Amino acid sequence: MNEKNFSEHKITKKDVCDFIVRYAIITLGCVIYSLGVSLFLDANNFASGGITGVAIIINYIIKAASGFDFSTGILIIIINVPIFILGAVYFGKKFIISTAYATVMSSALMYLWEFVFENYLPITESMLLAALVGGAMFGIGLGFIFRMGSSTGGTDIIVKICRKKFRYLRMGFISLIIDMGIVLTSAVVYWAFGMENFFENTCYTAISIVVFTTLFDLVLYGGNTAKLAYIITTHDKAPEITSKILAELDIGATFIDGEGAYTGNEKRIILCAVKNYLFPKLKDIVKAHDPNAFVIVTSAKEIYGEGYLGHFDDEL
């Protein structure tokens, strides 16, 4: 390799830091996700959705038929093998390596939690609490993993493939459709094997999936949302407001020339996108410099550009 090629492939300190941060967040997601599944969903026979839900159903059938507990974590790894091959074809080496890590880590943690908390399961006898807490931890953990461009394999890979084809649909919605199919399957299985209160169990499972979908989308897309503000002011006030916005909020702004339809007076419109937590400060700036300004505020679900999503970033 010549000197030019070597410099192009040289690993920088930033690359190492980004790698460490990425895998630290993936690991945190695996811990939260696995705790939610092992302590709340699996322990209360909730088919949590995805390959995890399929594994829980299969493990329940095995236990009901033979009395042998095969371990949900091990089943997840077995089911994932053919889906991993599909993921490698669609998303490449980087994705499949991090997904393999997340899958093995979360599955191993599930196995560990089953051993550590064996004498304390289920953690709660309340089905509603288990559905809410388990679904929330499942969604938050998986959201962290997906934000880092990874997944836990299984139907997560299928969801990402569907997202590439149906780009107008959010990840959570696609997961919801797949998971509801798994819930209906679990209802049939639990009914067939004579589970008591199988209908109640199915309803609580559905609740856990709705909670999962909500938290999953919140973690996955929440950091990309912002307020979009149109500040309609006068030409003499606009520079004052804009200079404060640039200095105190450190965000960009765009001028648009306008004219009042009734008065015919010239107007200057300041268009800016601001993070939700900074919006109160924006209101204070406008109020201080032009209390008569007309401000229109709307929500922006996705923003591309400096400080937000990159145009070439992978779509979540």
Protein backbone atom coordinates (compact mmCIF):
# COMPACT_ATOMS: atom_id res chain seq x y z
CA MET A 1 0.00 0.00 0.00
CA ASN A 2 1.52 3.35 -1.01
CA GLU A 3 1.75 6.39 1.30
CA LYS A 4 -1.39 8.00 -0.18
CA ASN A 5 -3.54 4.91 0.34
CA PHE A 6 -2.15 4.45 3.85
CA SER A 7 -3.14 7.99 4.83
CA GLU A 8 -6.62 7.45 3.40
CA HIS A 9 -7.09 4.31 5.54
CA LYS A 10 -5.39 5.62 8.67
CA ILE A 11 -7.56 5.22 11.76
CA THR A 12 -7.88 8.53 13.60
CA LYS A 13 -8.49 9.20 17.29
CA LYS A 14 -11.99 10.40 16.38
CA ASP A 15 -12.72 7.08 14.65
CA VAL A 16 -11.72 5.20 17.81
CA CYS A 17 -13.82 7.48 20.04
CA ASP A 18 -16.85 7.15 17.73
CA PHE A 19 -16.45 3.37 17.73
CA ILE A 20 -16.27 3.22 21.54
CA VAL A 21 -19.27 5.53 22.00
CA ARG A 22 -21.30 3.62 19.41
CA TYR A 23 -20.72 0.24 21.01
CA ALA A 24 -21.18 1.63 24.53
CA ILE A 25 -24.65 2.88 23.55
CA ILE A 26 -25.44 -0.41 21.80
CA THR A 27 -24.40 -2.27 24.97
CA LEU A 28 -26.56 0.00 27.14
CA GLY A 29 -29.47 -0.68 24.80
CA CYS A 30 -28.86 -4.43 25.08
CA VAL A 31 -28.89 -4.25 28.89
CA ILE A 32 -32.18 -2.29 29.04
CA TYR A 33 -33.80 -4.40 26.32
CA SER A 34 -32.77 -7.75 27.84
CA LEU A 35 -33.93 -6.75 31.34
CA GLY A 36 -37.33 -5.75 29.98
CA VAL A 37 -37.73 -9.05 28.16
CA SER A 38 -36.40 -11.39 30.88
CA LEU A 39 -37.86 -9.78 34.00
CA PHE A 40 -41.21 -8.64 32.69
CA LEU A 41 -42.26 -9.96 29.27
CA ASP A 42 -40.86 -13.48 29.19
CA ALA A 43 -41.49 -14.01 32.90
CA ASN A 44 -45.19 -13.28 32.37
CA ASN A 45 -45.47 -15.21 29.06
CA PHE A 46 -45.95 -12.06 26.98
CA ALA A 47 -45.07 -12.62 23.32
CA SER A 48 -43.09 -9.39 23.09
CA GLY A 49 -43.01 -9.21 19.31
CA GLY A 50 -40.29 -9.80 16.77
CA ILE A 51 -38.00 -12.80 16.92
CA THR A 52 -38.02 -12.40 20.70
CA GLY A 53 -41.77 -12.98 20.67
CA VAL A 54 -41.41 -15.94 18.32
CA ALA A 55 -38.74 -17.40 20.63
CA ILE A 56 -40.98 -16.93 23.67
CA ILE A 57 -43.84 -18.73 21.88
CA ILE A 58 -41.58 -21.63 20.80
CA ASN A 59 -40.09 -21.90 24.28
CA TYR A 60 -43.57 -21.95 25.77
CA ILE A 61 -44.58 -24.77 23.42
CA ILE A 62 -41.43 -26.74 24.35
CA LYS A 63 -42.03 -26.24 28.07
CA ALA A 64 -45.72 -27.09 27.77
CA ALA A 65 -45.02 -30.23 25.72
CA SER A 66 -41.90 -31.57 27.46
CA GLY A 67 -41.30 -29.53 30.60
CA PHE A 68 -37.86 -28.55 29.30
CA ASP A 69 -36.87 -24.86 29.34
CA PHE A 70 -34.79 -24.31 26.19
CA SER A 71 -33.97 -20.65 27.08
CA THR A 72 -35.36 -17.81 25.02
CA GLY A 73 -31.90 -16.30 24.51
CA ILE A 74 -30.52 -19.45 22.84
CA LEU A 75 -33.59 -19.78 20.63
CA ILE A 76 -33.15 -16.20 19.44
CA ILE A 77 -29.62 -16.97 18.22
CA ILE A 78 -30.77 -20.12 16.37
CA ILE A 79 -33.66 -18.36 14.59
CA ASN A 80 -31.46 -15.42 13.66
CA VAL A 81 -28.94 -17.35 11.54
CA PRO A 82 -30.84 -17.31 8.19
CA ILE A 83 -32.06 -13.75 8.76
CA PHE A 84 -28.49 -12.60 9.38
CA ILE A 85 -27.52 -13.87 5.95
CA LEU A 86 -30.34 -11.79 4.44
CA GLY A 87 -29.20 -8.72 6.42
CA ALA A 88 -25.61 -9.11 5.19
CA VAL A 89 -26.84 -9.06 1.60
CA TYR A 90 -28.90 -5.88 2.07
CA PHE A 91 -26.87 -3.78 4.55
CA GLY A 92 -23.25 -4.88 4.37
CA LYS A 93 -20.50 -5.82 6.80
CA LYS A 94 -20.61 -2.90 9.24
CA PHE A 95 -24.30 -3.37 9.98
CA ILE A 96 -24.14 -7.13 10.28
CA ILE A 97 -21.11 -7.06 12.63
CA SER A 98 -22.78 -4.62 15.05
CA THR A 99 -26.06 -6.54 14.75
CA ALA A 100 -24.28 -9.82 15.53
CA TYR A 101 -22.74 -8.16 18.60
CA ALA A 102 -26.11 -6.76 19.75
CA THR A 103 -27.87 -10.09 19.18
CA VAL A 104 -25.30 -12.20 21.02
CA MET A 105 -24.95 -9.63 23.82
CA SER A 106 -28.70 -9.27 24.42
CA SER A 107 -29.27 -13.03 24.18
CA ALA A 108 -26.43 -13.74 26.62
CA LEU A 109 -27.78 -11.12 29.01
CA MET A 110 -31.25 -12.69 28.86
CA TYR A 111 -29.71 -16.03 29.77
CA LEU A 112 -27.77 -14.35 32.60
CA TRP A 113 -30.82 -12.55 34.00
CA GLU A 114 -32.82 -15.80 33.98
CA PHE A 115 -30.07 -17.35 36.12
CA VAL A 116 -29.47 -14.36 38.43
CA PHE A 117 -33.14 -13.62 39.07
CA GLU A 118 -34.35 -17.24 38.94
CA ASN A 119 -35.77 -17.15 42.48
CA TYR A 120 -37.44 -13.76 42.00
CA LEU A 121 -39.32 -14.29 38.74
CA PRO A 122 -41.77 -12.96 37.91
CA ILE A 123 -40.63 -9.65 39.40
CA THR A 124 -44.22 -8.45 39.63
CA GLU A 125 -47.55 -10.26 39.75
CA SER A 126 -49.28 -7.29 38.16
CA MET A 127 -49.85 -8.05 34.48
CA LEU A 128 -50.46 -4.38 33.68
CA LEU A 129 -47.25 -3.24 35.38
CA ALA A 130 -45.28 -5.97 33.61
CA ALA A 131 -46.76 -4.92 30.24
CA LEU A 132 -46.01 -1.23 30.79
CA VAL A 133 -42.50 -1.57 32.24
CA GLY A 134 -41.48 -4.44 29.96
CA GLY A 135 -42.78 -2.71 26.84
CA ALA A 136 -41.10 0.57 27.83
CA MET A 137 -37.71 -1.04 28.50
CA PHE A 138 -37.98 -3.06 25.29
CA GLY A 139 -38.70 0.08 23.25
CA ILE A 140 -36.04 2.27 24.89
CA GLY A 141 -33.32 -0.38 24.62
CA LEU A 142 -34.10 -1.22 21.01
CA GLY A 143 -34.33 2.49 20.17
CA PHE A 144 -30.76 3.03 21.41
CA ILE A 145 -29.55 0.08 19.34
CA PHE A 146 -31.28 1.29 16.16
CA ARG A 147 -30.01 4.87 16.59
CA MET A 148 -26.49 3.49 16.40
CA GLY A 149 -27.25 1.93 13.01
CA SER A 150 -27.57 -1.58 14.41
CA SER A 151 -30.34 -4.00 15.37
CA THR A 152 -30.90 -7.17 17.35
CA GLY A 153 -31.41 -9.22 14.22
CA GLY A 154 -34.56 -11.16 13.47
CA THR A 155 -37.57 -9.11 12.44
CA ASP A 156 -35.53 -5.95 13.09
CA ILE A 157 -33.66 -6.74 9.88
CA ILE A 158 -36.95 -7.42 8.12
CA VAL A 159 -38.28 -4.08 9.40
CA LYS A 160 -35.21 -2.26 8.02
CA ILE A 161 -35.67 -3.98 4.65
CA CYS A 162 -39.34 -2.93 4.59
CA ARG A 163 -38.28 0.63 5.55
CA LYS A 164 -36.02 0.76 2.47
CA LYS A 165 -38.99 -0.12 0.27
CA PHE A 166 -41.68 1.87 2.09
CA ARG A 167 -39.73 5.00 3.08
CA TYR A 168 -42.88 6.91 4.07
CA LEU A 169 -43.53 4.50 6.96
CA ARG A 170 -41.82 4.82 10.33
CA MET A 171 -39.91 1.94 11.91
CA GLY A 172 -42.31 1.74 14.84
CA PHE A 173 -45.37 1.38 12.60
CA ILE A 174 -43.79 -1.43 10.58
CA SER A 175 -42.79 -3.17 13.81
CA LEU A 176 -46.32 -2.74 15.14
CA ILE A 177 -47.86 -4.54 12.15
CA ILE A 178 -45.40 -7.45 12.41
CA ASP A 179 -45.68 -7.68 16.18
CA MET A 180 -49.47 -7.68 16.17
CA GLY A 181 -49.32 -10.70 13.85
CA ILE A 182 -47.07 -12.42 16.40
CA VAL A 183 -49.47 -11.49 19.21
CA LEU A 184 -52.37 -13.12 17.37
CA THR A 185 -50.22 -16.21 16.85
CA SER A 186 -49.36 -16.28 20.56
CA ALA A 187 -53.07 -16.09 21.42
CA VAL A 188 -53.78 -19.14 19.29
CA VAL A 189 -50.83 -21.05 20.82
CA TYR A 190 -51.76 -20.17 24.40
CA TRP A 191 -55.39 -21.13 23.74
CA ALA A 192 -54.36 -24.42 22.11
CA PHE A 193 -52.18 -25.38 25.09
CA GLY A 194 -54.87 -24.48 27.56
CA MET A 195 -53.25 -21.44 29.18
CA GLU A 196 -55.54 -19.93 31.79
CA ASN A 197 -56.63 -16.38 31.03
CA PHE A 198 -55.03 -16.52 27.57
CA PHE A 199 -57.33 -13.71 26.37
CA GLU A 200 -56.24 -11.47 29.23
CA ASN A 201 -52.61 -12.34 28.52
CA THR A 202 -53.05 -11.43 24.84
CA CYS A 203 -54.60 -8.07 25.72
CA TYR A 204 -51.72 -7.21 28.06
CA THR A 205 -49.27 -8.31 25.38
CA ALA A 206 -50.94 -5.90 22.95
CA ILE A 207 -50.57 -3.13 25.56
CA SER A 208 -46.85 -3.89 25.92
CA ILE A 209 -46.41 -3.66 22.14
CA VAL A 210 -48.19 -0.30 21.93
CA VAL A 211 -45.94 1.01 24.73
CA PHE A 212 -42.91 -0.46 22.95
CA THR A 213 -43.83 1.20 19.64
CA THR A 214 -44.36 4.59 21.30
CA LEU A 215 -41.07 4.56 23.22
CA PHE A 216 -39.17 3.05 20.28
CA ASP A 217 -40.25 5.85 17.93
CA LEU A 218 -39.61 8.47 20.62
CA VAL A 219 -36.01 7.32 21.15
CA LEU A 220 -35.39 6.74 17.45
CA TYR A 221 -36.88 9.97 16.07
CA GLY A 222 -37.20 12.23 19.11
CA GLY A 223 -33.73 13.74 18.74
CA ASN A 224 -34.49 14.78 15.15
CA THR A 225 -37.64 16.79 15.89
CA ALA A 226 -37.72 20.53 16.42
CA LYS A 227 -39.93 23.60 16.30
CA LEU A 228 -40.18 25.49 13.03
CA ALA A 229 -40.83 29.19 13.64
CA TYR A 230 -41.93 31.93 11.24
CA ILE A 231 -41.31 35.27 12.94
CA ILE A 232 -43.07 38.07 11.02
CA THR A 233 -41.59 41.40 12.06
CA THR A 234 -40.49 44.75 10.61
CA HIS A 235 -37.32 45.44 8.64
CA ASP A 236 -35.81 47.51 11.46
CA LYS A 237 -36.50 44.90 14.17
CA ALA A 238 -35.42 41.83 12.18
CA PRO A 239 -31.63 42.41 12.48
CA GLU A 240 -31.87 42.80 16.27
CA ILE A 241 -33.88 39.60 16.68
CA THR A 242 -31.66 37.65 14.29
CA SER A 243 -28.39 38.75 15.92
CA LYS A 244 -29.70 37.54 19.30
CA ILE A 245 -30.86 34.23 17.80
CA LEU A 246 -27.46 33.63 16.22
CA ALA A 247 -25.52 34.63 19.35
CA GLU A 248 -27.62 33.10 22.14
CA LEU A 249 -29.16 30.04 20.50
CA ASP A 250 -26.36 29.22 18.06
CA ILE A 251 -28.80 28.30 15.30
CA GLY A 252 -29.23 29.50 11.73
CA ALA A 253 -31.98 31.69 10.34
CA THR A 254 -33.27 32.73 6.92
CA PHE A 255 -34.82 36.05 5.87
CA ILE A 256 -37.92 36.13 3.67
CA ASP A 257 -39.32 39.40 2.37
CA GLY A 258 -43.06 39.86 2.69
CA GLU A 259 -45.85 42.39 2.56
CA GLY A 260 -48.90 42.83 4.77
CA ALA A 261 -52.02 42.05 2.71
CA TYR A 262 -54.18 44.60 4.54
CA THR A 263 -51.71 47.39 5.34
CA GLY A 264 -49.39 46.95 2.38
CA ASN A 265 -46.44 47.49 4.75
CA GLU A 266 -43.19 45.67 4.02
CA LYS A 267 -42.42 42.80 6.40
CA ARG A 268 -39.34 40.73 7.13
CA ILE A 269 -39.99 37.05 7.96
CA ILE A 270 -37.36 35.18 9.98
CA LEU A 271 -37.51 31.43 9.37
CA CYS A 272 -35.63 29.20 11.80
CA ALA A 273 -35.66 25.65 13.16
CA VAL A 274 -34.96 25.37 16.88
CA LYS A 275 -34.65 22.40 19.25
CA ASN A 276 -37.64 22.01 21.54
CA TYR A 277 -35.69 22.82 24.70
CA LEU A 278 -34.42 26.10 23.15
CA PHE A 279 -37.83 27.31 22.00
CA PRO A 280 -38.76 29.17 25.25
CA LYS A 281 -35.56 31.21 24.86
CA LEU A 282 -36.55 32.07 21.28
CA LYS A 283 -39.90 33.35 22.53
CA ASP A 284 -38.13 35.53 25.10
CA ILE A 285 -35.88 37.04 22.41
CA VAL A 286 -38.84 37.90 20.16
CA LYS A 287 -40.85 39.32 23.07
CA ALA A 288 -37.93 41.49 24.20
CA HIS A 289 -37.22 43.03 20.79
CA ASP A 290 -40.63 43.09 19.08
CA PRO A 291 -43.64 42.23 21.27
CA ASN A 292 -45.89 43.01 18.27
CA ALA A 293 -44.27 40.35 16.06
CA PHE A 294 -46.55 37.71 14.60
CA VAL A 295 -45.07 34.25 15.26
CA ILE A 296 -46.25 31.01 13.67
CA VAL A 297 -44.89 27.81 15.23
CA THR A 298 -45.19 24.29 13.90
CA SER A 299 -43.48 20.97 14.56
CA ALA A 300 -40.80 19.63 12.23
CA LYS A 301 -40.48 15.84 12.44
CA GLU A 302 -37.33 15.60 10.36
CA ILE A 303 -34.69 18.23 9.58
CA TYR A 304 -31.68 17.73 7.32
CA GLY A 305 -28.65 19.98 7.49
CA GLU A 306 -26.02 21.24 9.94
CA GLY A 307 -26.89 20.36 13.53
CA TYR A 308 -29.52 17.83 12.48
CA LEU A 309 -29.59 14.81 10.16
CA GLY A 310 -27.07 14.59 7.35
CA HIS A 311 -28.33 14.25 3.78
CA PHE A 312 -26.26 11.09 3.36
CA ASP A 313 -27.01 9.53 6.76
CA ASP A 314 -28.70 6.14 6.82
CA GLU A 315 -32.46 6.51 7.07
CA LEU A 316 -33.87 5.39 10.41
